[in-house]
Amino acid sequence: MTDPAQLIAAARAAAAHAHAPYSRFAVGAALLMEDGSIVTGANFENASYGLSLCAETVAIASASAAGRLRQIVAIGVIGGAMDADGIPTGTTPVSPCGRCRQVINEAAQMGGRDLPVHCGAAEGDAIRSYRLSELLPDAFGPADLGIG
């Protein structure tokens, strides 16, 4: 099993590829899969702000596109304001937004897991770890529709 620091490192590497020219806030996500491999994503903003994609959503959609949605066993997320060179900065751990918590819940319920979510900062060693059920209690998802 990959330790949270390894997932956070992979999320940091992904954040380096964030397309965030509007918010200047880069986010990276890393998914640990059942076989130990890691799938990553970075946020992708759009001039039409509502069309922007969060890093967690990009990573989960990538896993789903590869037929691996049910194989996610943990997630790591980092974020931070970009400096003049486009490098994410900051030492406060960042957690998934509400929309991403719902997207993570979809993957979690489809895989039958209460996923660990490791939240890190763009810089430093601070990591806060949660179970998805702590971040999104009483979540609505596939199980409520008889799917899972």
N, C-alpha and C. Protein backbone atom coordinates (compact mmCIF):
# COMPACT_ATOMS: atom_id res chain seq x y z
N MET A 1 0.85 -1.19 0.00
CA MET A 1 0.00 0.00 0.00
C MET A 1 0.89 1.24 0.00
N THR A 2 0.56 2.17 -0.82
CA THR A 2 1.28 3.44 -0.89
C THR A 2 0.94 4.27 0.34
N ASP A 3 1.94 4.88 0.92
CA ASP A 3 1.66 5.70 2.09
C ASP A 3 1.17 7.07 1.63
N PRO A 4 0.44 7.78 2.51
CA PRO A 4 -0.14 9.08 2.12
C PRO A 4 0.88 10.04 1.54
N ALA A 5 2.11 10.05 2.05
CA ALA A 5 3.13 10.98 1.53
C ALA A 5 3.44 10.69 0.07
N GLN A 6 3.41 9.42 -0.34
CA GLN A 6 3.65 9.09 -1.75
C GLN A 6 2.51 9.59 -2.64
N LEU A 7 1.28 9.48 -2.16
CA LEU A 7 0.14 10.00 -2.92
C LEU A 7 0.21 11.52 -3.03
N ILE A 8 0.59 12.17 -1.94
CA ILE A 8 0.72 13.63 -1.95
C ILE A 8 1.82 14.04 -2.92
N ALA A 9 2.92 13.32 -2.96
CA ALA A 9 4.01 13.63 -3.90
C ALA A 9 3.52 13.49 -5.34
N ALA A 10 2.74 12.47 -5.62
CA ALA A 10 2.21 12.28 -6.98
C ALA A 10 1.22 13.40 -7.32
N ALA A 11 0.43 13.82 -6.33
CA ALA A 11 -0.51 14.93 -6.55
C ALA A 11 0.24 16.23 -6.82
N ARG A 12 1.34 16.44 -6.11
CA ARG A 12 2.16 17.65 -6.35
C ARG A 12 2.72 17.64 -7.76
N ALA A 13 3.20 16.49 -8.21
CA ALA A 13 3.73 16.39 -9.57
C ALA A 13 2.63 16.69 -10.60
N ALA A 14 1.43 16.21 -10.34
CA ALA A 14 0.31 16.47 -11.25
C ALA A 14 -0.05 17.95 -11.26
N ALA A 15 -0.02 18.60 -10.10
CA ALA A 15 -0.38 20.03 -10.01
C ALA A 15 0.54 20.89 -10.85
N ALA A 16 1.74 20.43 -11.11
CA ALA A 16 2.68 21.18 -11.95
C ALA A 16 2.13 21.35 -13.37
N HIS A 17 1.15 20.53 -13.73
CA HIS A 17 0.56 20.59 -15.07
C HIS A 17 -0.82 21.23 -15.07
N ALA A 18 -1.20 21.85 -13.97
CA ALA A 18 -2.51 22.50 -13.90
C ALA A 18 -2.62 23.62 -14.93
N HIS A 19 -3.80 23.73 -15.50
CA HIS A 19 -4.11 24.85 -16.40
C HIS A 19 -5.05 25.76 -15.59
N ALA A 20 -4.47 26.74 -14.90
CA ALA A 20 -5.23 27.59 -14.00
C ALA A 20 -4.91 29.07 -14.20
N PRO A 21 -5.09 29.57 -15.43
CA PRO A 21 -4.72 30.96 -15.70
C PRO A 21 -5.68 31.98 -15.08
N TYR A 22 -6.86 31.56 -14.66
CA TYR A 22 -7.85 32.51 -14.16
C TYR A 22 -7.81 32.61 -12.64
N SER A 23 -7.85 31.48 -11.95
CA SER A 23 -7.81 31.51 -10.49
C SER A 23 -6.38 31.58 -9.96
N ARG A 24 -5.42 31.12 -10.78
CA ARG A 24 -4.01 31.02 -10.35
C ARG A 24 -3.90 30.14 -9.10
N PHE A 25 -4.76 29.12 -9.02
CA PHE A 25 -4.75 28.16 -7.92
C PHE A 25 -4.65 26.77 -8.54
N ALA A 26 -3.49 26.15 -8.38
CA ALA A 26 -3.24 24.84 -8.98
C ALA A 26 -3.62 23.73 -8.00
N VAL A 27 -4.25 22.70 -8.54
CA VAL A 27 -4.63 21.55 -7.73
C VAL A 27 -4.18 20.30 -8.46
N GLY A 28 -3.67 19.34 -7.70
CA GLY A 28 -3.30 18.04 -8.24
C GLY A 28 -3.96 16.96 -7.42
N ALA A 29 -4.31 15.85 -8.08
CA ALA A 29 -4.91 14.71 -7.40
C ALA A 29 -4.21 13.44 -7.85
N ALA A 30 -4.14 12.49 -6.95
CA ALA A 30 -3.54 11.19 -7.26
C ALA A 30 -4.42 10.10 -6.67
N LEU A 31 -4.77 9.12 -7.49
CA LEU A 31 -5.59 7.99 -7.05
C LEU A 31 -4.72 6.77 -6.90
N LEU A 32 -4.82 6.09 -5.79
CA LEU A 32 -4.16 4.80 -5.62
C LEU A 32 -5.13 3.74 -6.10
N MET A 33 -4.67 2.89 -7.01
CA MET A 33 -5.50 1.83 -7.55
C MET A 33 -5.21 0.50 -6.84
N GLU A 34 -6.10 -0.47 -6.98
CA GLU A 34 -5.95 -1.76 -6.31
C GLU A 34 -4.60 -2.41 -6.58
N ASP A 35 -4.07 -2.25 -7.79
CA ASP A 35 -2.81 -2.91 -8.15
C ASP A 35 -1.58 -2.12 -7.73
N GLY A 36 -1.78 -1.00 -7.02
CA GLY A 36 -0.68 -0.17 -6.56
C GLY A 36 -0.28 0.93 -7.51
N SER A 37 -0.86 0.95 -8.70
CA SER A 37 -0.55 2.02 -9.65
C SER A 37 -1.25 3.30 -9.22
N ILE A 38 -0.82 4.40 -9.79
CA ILE A 38 -1.37 5.72 -9.44
C ILE A 38 -1.85 6.40 -10.71
N VAL A 39 -3.05 6.95 -10.65
CA VAL A 39 -3.65 7.75 -11.72
C VAL A 39 -3.73 9.18 -11.21
N THR A 40 -3.29 10.14 -12.01
CA THR A 40 -3.28 11.53 -11.56
C THR A 40 -4.17 12.42 -12.41
N GLY A 41 -4.42 13.60 -11.89
CA GLY A 41 -5.15 14.62 -12.61
C GLY A 41 -4.77 15.99 -12.07
N ALA A 42 -4.95 17.01 -12.89
CA ALA A 42 -4.72 18.40 -12.50
C ALA A 42 -5.94 19.22 -12.92
N ASN A 43 -6.17 20.32 -12.21
CA ASN A 43 -7.31 21.13 -12.59
C ASN A 43 -7.10 21.74 -13.97
N PHE A 44 -8.21 21.93 -14.66
CA PHE A 44 -8.21 22.46 -16.02
C PHE A 44 -9.29 23.52 -16.10
N GLU A 45 -8.88 24.78 -16.06
CA GLU A 45 -9.83 25.88 -16.10
C GLU A 45 -10.19 26.25 -17.53
N ASN A 46 -11.30 26.96 -17.65
CA ASN A 46 -11.82 27.36 -18.94
C ASN A 46 -12.26 28.82 -18.83
N ALA A 47 -12.13 29.56 -19.92
CA ALA A 47 -12.56 30.96 -19.92
C ALA A 47 -14.04 31.08 -19.56
N SER A 48 -14.83 30.07 -19.90
CA SER A 48 -16.21 29.98 -19.43
C SER A 48 -16.15 29.19 -18.12
N TYR A 49 -16.02 29.92 -17.01
CA TYR A 49 -15.65 29.33 -15.72
C TYR A 49 -16.41 28.06 -15.35
N GLY A 50 -17.67 28.00 -15.64
CA GLY A 50 -18.48 26.83 -15.28
C GLY A 50 -18.03 25.55 -15.95
N LEU A 51 -17.24 25.66 -16.99
CA LEU A 51 -16.77 24.47 -17.70
C LEU A 51 -15.44 23.95 -17.16
N SER A 52 -14.90 24.60 -16.14
CA SER A 52 -13.64 24.17 -15.56
C SER A 52 -13.78 22.80 -14.89
N LEU A 53 -12.67 22.08 -14.82
CA LEU A 53 -12.64 20.74 -14.22
C LEU A 53 -11.66 20.73 -13.06
N CYS A 54 -12.09 20.15 -11.96
CA CYS A 54 -11.22 20.01 -10.80
C CYS A 54 -10.28 18.82 -11.00
N ALA A 55 -9.15 18.84 -10.32
CA ALA A 55 -8.15 17.77 -10.45
C ALA A 55 -8.72 16.41 -10.07
N GLU A 56 -9.50 16.35 -9.00
CA GLU A 56 -10.07 15.09 -8.57
C GLU A 56 -10.99 14.51 -9.64
N THR A 57 -11.79 15.37 -10.25
CA THR A 57 -12.70 14.93 -11.30
C THR A 57 -11.92 14.43 -12.51
N VAL A 58 -10.86 15.13 -12.88
CA VAL A 58 -10.03 14.70 -14.02
C VAL A 58 -9.44 13.32 -13.74
N ALA A 59 -8.89 13.12 -12.54
CA ALA A 59 -8.28 11.84 -12.21
C ALA A 59 -9.31 10.71 -12.19
N ILE A 60 -10.46 10.96 -11.58
CA ILE A 60 -11.49 9.92 -11.50
C ILE A 60 -12.06 9.62 -12.88
N ALA A 61 -12.25 10.63 -13.71
CA ALA A 61 -12.72 10.40 -15.08
C ALA A 61 -11.69 9.59 -15.87
N SER A 62 -10.41 9.86 -15.64
CA SER A 62 -9.35 9.09 -16.32
C SER A 62 -9.40 7.63 -15.90
N ALA A 63 -9.57 7.38 -14.61
CA ALA A 63 -9.68 6.00 -14.12
C ALA A 63 -10.91 5.32 -14.72
N SER A 64 -12.01 6.04 -14.76
CA SER A 64 -13.24 5.48 -15.33
C SER A 64 -13.08 5.17 -16.82
N ALA A 65 -12.44 6.09 -17.54
CA ALA A 65 -12.24 5.89 -18.99
C ALA A 65 -11.38 4.66 -19.27
N ALA A 66 -10.54 4.30 -18.29
CA ALA A 66 -9.69 3.10 -18.44
C ALA A 66 -10.39 1.86 -17.89
N GLY A 67 -11.67 1.99 -17.50
CA GLY A 67 -12.41 0.86 -16.97
C GLY A 67 -12.03 0.51 -15.54
N ARG A 68 -11.51 1.48 -14.79
CA ARG A 68 -10.96 1.20 -13.46
C ARG A 68 -11.66 1.97 -12.33
N LEU A 69 -12.86 2.45 -12.56
CA LEU A 69 -13.56 3.26 -11.56
C LEU A 69 -13.69 2.53 -10.22
N ARG A 70 -13.99 1.25 -10.26
CA ARG A 70 -14.22 0.48 -9.03
C ARG A 70 -12.92 0.07 -8.34
N GLN A 71 -11.78 0.39 -8.93
CA GLN A 71 -10.48 -0.05 -8.40
C GLN A 71 -9.77 1.02 -7.55
N ILE A 72 -10.37 2.16 -7.35
CA ILE A 72 -9.75 3.23 -6.57
C ILE A 72 -9.80 2.86 -5.09
N VAL A 73 -8.64 2.94 -4.41
CA VAL A 73 -8.60 2.58 -2.99
C VAL A 73 -8.21 3.76 -2.08
N ALA A 74 -7.69 4.84 -2.63
CA ALA A 74 -7.34 6.04 -1.84
C ALA A 74 -7.10 7.20 -2.78
N ILE A 75 -7.17 8.41 -2.23
CA ILE A 75 -6.93 9.60 -3.04
C ILE A 75 -6.08 10.59 -2.24
N GLY A 76 -5.18 11.26 -2.94
CA GLY A 76 -4.39 12.34 -2.38
C GLY A 76 -4.66 13.61 -3.15
N VAL A 77 -4.77 14.73 -2.46
CA VAL A 77 -5.09 16.02 -3.09
C VAL A 77 -4.18 17.09 -2.50
N ILE A 78 -3.67 17.95 -3.35
CA ILE A 78 -2.94 19.14 -2.89
C ILE A 78 -3.42 20.34 -3.69
N GLY A 79 -3.14 21.51 -3.17
CA GLY A 79 -3.46 22.72 -3.91
C GLY A 79 -2.74 23.91 -3.31
N GLY A 80 -2.60 24.94 -4.13
CA GLY A 80 -1.97 26.16 -3.64
C GLY A 80 -1.95 27.25 -4.68
N ALA A 81 -1.88 28.48 -4.22
CA ALA A 81 -1.78 29.63 -5.12
C ALA A 81 -0.50 29.53 -5.92
N MET A 82 -0.59 29.86 -7.19
CA MET A 82 0.57 29.78 -8.08
C MET A 82 1.42 31.04 -7.96
N ASP A 83 2.75 30.83 -7.91
CA ASP A 83 3.65 31.98 -7.90
C ASP A 83 3.83 32.51 -9.33
N ALA A 84 4.69 33.47 -9.52
CA ALA A 84 4.89 34.08 -10.84
C ALA A 84 5.35 33.08 -11.90
N ASP A 85 5.99 31.98 -11.45
CA ASP A 85 6.46 30.96 -12.39
C ASP A 85 5.44 29.84 -12.59
N GLY A 86 4.26 29.97 -11.97
CA GLY A 86 3.23 28.96 -12.12
C GLY A 86 3.38 27.77 -11.19
N ILE A 87 4.21 27.90 -10.16
CA ILE A 87 4.45 26.83 -9.21
C ILE A 87 3.49 26.98 -8.03
N PRO A 88 2.75 25.91 -7.68
CA PRO A 88 1.86 25.99 -6.51
C PRO A 88 2.65 26.23 -5.23
N THR A 89 2.12 27.07 -4.36
CA THR A 89 2.78 27.42 -3.10
C THR A 89 1.79 27.27 -1.94
N GLY A 90 2.33 27.28 -0.74
CA GLY A 90 1.49 27.27 0.45
C GLY A 90 1.72 26.03 1.29
N THR A 91 1.53 26.18 2.59
CA THR A 91 1.78 25.09 3.53
C THR A 91 0.52 24.60 4.24
N THR A 92 -0.64 25.10 3.84
CA THR A 92 -1.90 24.65 4.44
C THR A 92 -2.52 23.55 3.58
N PRO A 93 -2.82 22.39 4.17
CA PRO A 93 -3.47 21.33 3.39
C PRO A 93 -4.79 21.80 2.78
N VAL A 94 -5.06 21.32 1.58
CA VAL A 94 -6.27 21.67 0.83
C VAL A 94 -7.12 20.42 0.71
N SER A 95 -8.42 20.56 0.96
CA SER A 95 -9.32 19.41 0.82
C SER A 95 -10.21 19.59 -0.41
N PRO A 96 -10.82 18.51 -0.88
CA PRO A 96 -11.68 18.59 -2.07
C PRO A 96 -12.87 19.52 -1.85
N CYS A 97 -13.26 20.20 -2.90
CA CYS A 97 -14.46 21.04 -2.85
C CYS A 97 -15.70 20.14 -2.74
N GLY A 98 -16.83 20.73 -2.50
CA GLY A 98 -18.07 19.96 -2.36
C GLY A 98 -18.41 19.13 -3.58
N ARG A 99 -18.25 19.71 -4.75
CA ARG A 99 -18.54 18.99 -5.99
C ARG A 99 -17.63 17.78 -6.11
N CYS A 100 -16.36 17.95 -5.80
CA CYS A 100 -15.42 16.83 -5.89
C CYS A 100 -15.72 15.75 -4.87
N ARG A 101 -16.17 16.15 -3.70
CA ARG A 101 -16.55 15.16 -2.69
C ARG A 101 -17.66 14.27 -3.23
N GLN A 102 -18.59 14.87 -3.96
CA GLN A 102 -19.68 14.10 -4.55
C GLN A 102 -19.15 13.18 -5.66
N VAL A 103 -18.23 13.66 -6.47
CA VAL A 103 -17.63 12.83 -7.53
C VAL A 103 -16.83 11.68 -6.90
N ILE A 104 -16.08 11.97 -5.85
CA ILE A 104 -15.33 10.92 -5.15
C ILE A 104 -16.30 9.89 -4.58
N ASN A 105 -17.43 10.37 -4.05
CA ASN A 105 -18.44 9.47 -3.51
C ASN A 105 -18.95 8.50 -4.57
N GLU A 106 -19.12 8.96 -5.78
CA GLU A 106 -19.57 8.08 -6.86
C GLU A 106 -18.60 6.91 -7.03
N ALA A 107 -17.31 7.24 -7.09
CA ALA A 107 -16.28 6.19 -7.24
C ALA A 107 -16.25 5.29 -6.00
N ALA A 108 -16.35 5.90 -4.83
CA ALA A 108 -16.30 5.13 -3.59
C ALA A 108 -17.44 4.13 -3.51
N GLN A 109 -18.66 4.58 -3.79
CA GLN A 109 -19.80 3.68 -3.71
C GLN A 109 -19.74 2.61 -4.79
N MET A 110 -19.29 2.96 -5.98
CA MET A 110 -19.19 1.96 -7.05
C MET A 110 -18.16 0.90 -6.69
N GLY A 111 -17.12 1.28 -5.94
CA GLY A 111 -16.10 0.33 -5.52
C GLY A 111 -16.40 -0.31 -4.17
N GLY A 112 -17.48 0.11 -3.52
CA GLY A 112 -17.85 -0.45 -2.23
C GLY A 112 -16.88 -0.09 -1.11
N ARG A 113 -16.32 1.11 -1.17
CA ARG A 113 -15.32 1.53 -0.19
C ARG A 113 -15.65 2.90 0.41
N ASP A 114 -15.22 3.09 1.64
CA ASP A 114 -15.21 4.41 2.27
C ASP A 114 -13.78 4.91 2.08
N LEU A 115 -13.52 5.59 0.98
CA LEU A 115 -12.15 5.91 0.58
C LEU A 115 -11.43 6.83 1.57
N PRO A 116 -10.15 6.53 1.83
CA PRO A 116 -9.32 7.49 2.55
C PRO A 116 -8.97 8.65 1.62
N VAL A 117 -9.08 9.85 2.12
CA VAL A 117 -8.76 11.05 1.36
C VAL A 117 -7.65 11.77 2.12
N HIS A 118 -6.46 11.83 1.50
CA HIS A 118 -5.30 12.47 2.12
C HIS A 118 -5.12 13.85 1.51
N CYS A 119 -5.15 14.87 2.36
CA CYS A 119 -5.11 16.26 1.92
C CYS A 119 -3.77 16.87 2.31
N GLY A 120 -3.04 17.36 1.33
CA GLY A 120 -1.74 17.96 1.58
C GLY A 120 -1.67 19.38 1.09
N ALA A 121 -0.57 19.99 1.40
CA ALA A 121 -0.29 21.35 0.96
C ALA A 121 0.64 21.30 -0.25
N ALA A 122 0.74 22.40 -0.95
CA ALA A 122 1.64 22.48 -2.10
C ALA A 122 3.09 22.31 -1.65
N GLU A 123 3.38 22.71 -0.43
CA GLU A 123 4.74 22.63 0.10
C GLU A 123 4.67 22.09 1.53
N GLY A 124 5.74 21.47 1.98
CA GLY A 124 5.82 21.01 3.36
C GLY A 124 5.29 19.61 3.55
N ASP A 125 5.28 19.19 4.80
CA ASP A 125 4.93 17.81 5.15
C ASP A 125 3.54 17.64 5.73
N ALA A 126 2.79 18.71 5.91
CA ALA A 126 1.47 18.62 6.55
C ALA A 126 0.51 17.80 5.69
N ILE A 127 -0.09 16.79 6.30
CA ILE A 127 -1.10 15.97 5.64
C ILE A 127 -2.23 15.76 6.64
N ARG A 128 -3.45 15.95 6.18
CA ARG A 128 -4.64 15.63 6.97
C ARG A 128 -5.35 14.50 6.25
N SER A 129 -5.65 13.45 6.97
CA SER A 129 -6.30 12.28 6.38
C SER A 129 -7.70 12.12 6.94
N TYR A 130 -8.63 11.78 6.06
CA TYR A 130 -10.03 11.60 6.41
C TYR A 130 -10.56 10.35 5.70
N ARG A 131 -11.67 9.88 6.14
CA ARG A 131 -12.48 8.95 5.36
C ARG A 131 -13.48 9.83 4.61
N LEU A 132 -13.86 9.40 3.41
CA LEU A 132 -14.82 10.19 2.64
C LEU A 132 -16.09 10.44 3.44
N SER A 133 -16.53 9.46 4.21
CA SER A 133 -17.76 9.62 5.00
C SER A 133 -17.65 10.76 6.01
N GLU A 134 -16.44 11.13 6.41
CA GLU A 134 -16.25 12.29 7.30
C GLU A 134 -16.40 13.59 6.52
N LEU A 135 -15.94 13.60 5.26
CA LEU A 135 -16.00 14.81 4.44
C LEU A 135 -17.37 15.03 3.80
N LEU A 136 -18.12 13.93 3.63
CA LEU A 136 -19.43 14.02 2.99
C LEU A 136 -20.40 13.06 3.68
N PRO A 137 -20.82 13.41 4.91
CA PRO A 137 -21.73 12.51 5.64
C PRO A 137 -23.09 12.44 4.95
N ASP A 138 -23.72 11.30 5.06
CA ASP A 138 -25.07 11.10 4.52
C ASP A 138 -25.12 11.40 3.01
N ALA A 139 -24.07 11.01 2.31
CA ALA A 139 -23.97 11.29 0.87
C ALA A 139 -25.04 10.56 0.07
N PHE A 140 -25.50 11.22 -0.96
CA PHE A 140 -26.40 10.60 -1.95
C PHE A 140 -25.54 10.04 -3.06
N GLY A 141 -25.83 8.83 -3.49
CA GLY A 141 -25.02 8.25 -4.54
C GLY A 141 -25.67 7.05 -5.18
N PRO A 142 -24.88 6.27 -5.90
CA PRO A 142 -25.40 5.11 -6.63
C PRO A 142 -26.21 4.16 -5.75
N ALA A 143 -25.79 3.97 -4.50
CA ALA A 143 -26.51 3.04 -3.61
C ALA A 143 -27.96 3.48 -3.40
N ASP A 144 -28.19 4.80 -3.40
CA ASP A 144 -29.56 5.30 -3.22
C ASP A 144 -30.44 5.00 -4.43
N LEU A 145 -29.81 4.71 -5.54
CA LEU A 145 -30.54 4.38 -6.77
C LEU A 145 -30.50 2.88 -7.07
N GLY A 146 -30.01 2.11 -6.08
CA GLY A 146 -29.95 0.67 -6.25
C GLY A 146 -28.82 0.19 -7.15
N ILE A 147 -27.80 1.02 -7.31
CA ILE A 147 -26.67 0.70 -8.17
C ILE A 147 -25.42 0.64 -7.30
N GLY A 148 -24.51 -0.25 -7.64
CA GLY A 148 -23.28 -0.26 -6.86
C GLY A 148 -22.47 -1.48 -7.03
